[in-house]
Amino acid sequence: MNITSNKGKQVREKIIKFLEEKQVTISPASIQEITDAVGCGSLSVTSYHLGVLEKEGRIQREHKKARNIVLVKGK
C-alpha cells in the first residue's frame, strides 16, 4: 500500500481517532485493539500505519514496550 494513497490516509485517520477516544480510558490501546477497531487486515498492516504516523510526528512509540503509543499534541 502506498503511504500517500487516500485509503492509507483514511486508515491512519481512523487510527488517530481511535487513539484519541482510547486516551480517556485507563488502559492504553494495544496493536490488536487498534487492528480490530479500524478494520485493518492484520497486525502487520496496523504496525505499518503506526510507523507512518510515527514518521509524520503524529504519535510517539517506545519500542519493545507493549501498549506504548502516545498521541503527539498539536498534530
Protein backbone atom coordinates (compact mmCIF):
# COMPACT_ATOMS: atom_id res chain seq x y z
CA MET A 1 0.00 0.00 0.00
CA ASN A 2 1.31 3.41 -0.93
CA ILE A 3 1.68 5.64 2.15
CA THR A 4 0.25 8.60 0.23
CA SER A 5 -2.85 6.78 -1.03
CA ASN A 6 -6.26 8.03 0.06
CA LYS A 7 -7.14 4.66 1.55
CA GLY A 8 -3.92 4.68 3.60
CA LYS A 9 -4.64 8.19 4.83
CA GLN A 10 -8.18 7.17 5.79
CA VAL A 11 -6.88 4.21 7.79
CA ARG A 12 -4.38 6.43 9.62
CA GLU A 13 -7.10 8.97 10.43
CA LYS A 14 -9.22 6.14 11.87
CA ILE A 15 -6.24 5.07 13.98
CA ILE A 16 -5.75 8.63 15.28
CA LYS A 17 -9.46 8.95 16.10
CA PHE A 18 -9.43 5.60 17.92
CA LEU A 19 -6.34 6.61 19.91
CA GLU A 20 -7.97 9.93 20.86
CA GLU A 21 -11.05 8.09 22.13
CA LYS A 22 -8.93 5.46 23.91
CA GLN A 23 -6.96 8.13 25.82
CA VAL A 24 -9.88 8.70 28.17
CA THR A 25 -9.76 5.09 29.39
CA ILE A 26 -7.45 3.63 32.00
CA SER A 27 -5.63 1.25 29.65
CA PRO A 28 -3.68 2.36 26.56
CA ALA A 29 -4.56 0.70 23.24
CA SER A 30 -2.86 -2.46 22.07
CA ILE A 31 -2.00 -3.04 18.42
CA GLN A 32 -4.61 -5.82 18.35
CA GLU A 33 -7.29 -3.44 19.65
CA ILE A 34 -6.35 -0.87 17.01
CA THR A 35 -6.41 -3.53 14.28
CA ASP A 36 -9.88 -4.66 15.33
CA ALA A 37 -11.25 -1.13 15.76
CA VAL A 38 -10.16 0.25 12.38
CA GLY A 39 -10.63 -2.92 10.36
CA CYS A 40 -7.04 -3.46 9.26
CA GLY A 41 -6.45 -6.88 7.76
CA SER A 42 -3.60 -7.83 10.07
CA LEU A 43 -1.31 -6.69 12.85
CA SER A 44 1.45 -6.05 10.30
CA VAL A 45 -0.77 -3.65 8.33
CA THR A 46 -1.59 -1.78 11.54
CA SER A 47 2.10 -1.71 12.51
CA TYR A 48 2.93 -0.29 9.07
CA HIS A 49 0.42 2.55 9.51
CA LEU A 50 1.64 3.22 13.05
CA GLY A 51 5.17 3.51 11.62
CA VAL A 52 3.96 6.07 9.08
CA LEU A 53 2.18 8.05 11.81
CA GLU A 54 5.36 7.97 13.87
CA LYS A 55 7.44 9.26 10.93
CA GLU A 56 4.88 12.03 10.40
CA GLY A 57 5.31 13.01 14.06
CA ARG A 58 1.67 12.35 14.96
CA ILE A 59 2.43 9.62 17.50
CA GLN A 60 5.36 8.54 19.63
CA ARG A 61 6.22 4.94 20.42
CA GLU A 62 8.68 3.43 22.82
CA HIS A 63 9.83 0.34 21.01
CA LYS A 64 9.93 -3.02 22.76
CA LYS A 65 7.17 -1.96 25.15
CA ALA A 66 3.58 -3.14 24.97
CA ARG A 67 0.86 -0.51 24.71
CA ASN A 68 3.38 2.20 24.03
CA ILE A 69 1.57 4.55 21.65
CA VAL A 70 1.13 8.20 22.63
CA LEU A 71 -0.52 10.89 20.54
CA VAL A 72 1.57 13.99 19.91
CA LYS A 73 -0.46 17.07 20.76
CA GLY A 74 -0.93 19.69 18.09
CA LYS A 75 -0.50 17.37 15.10
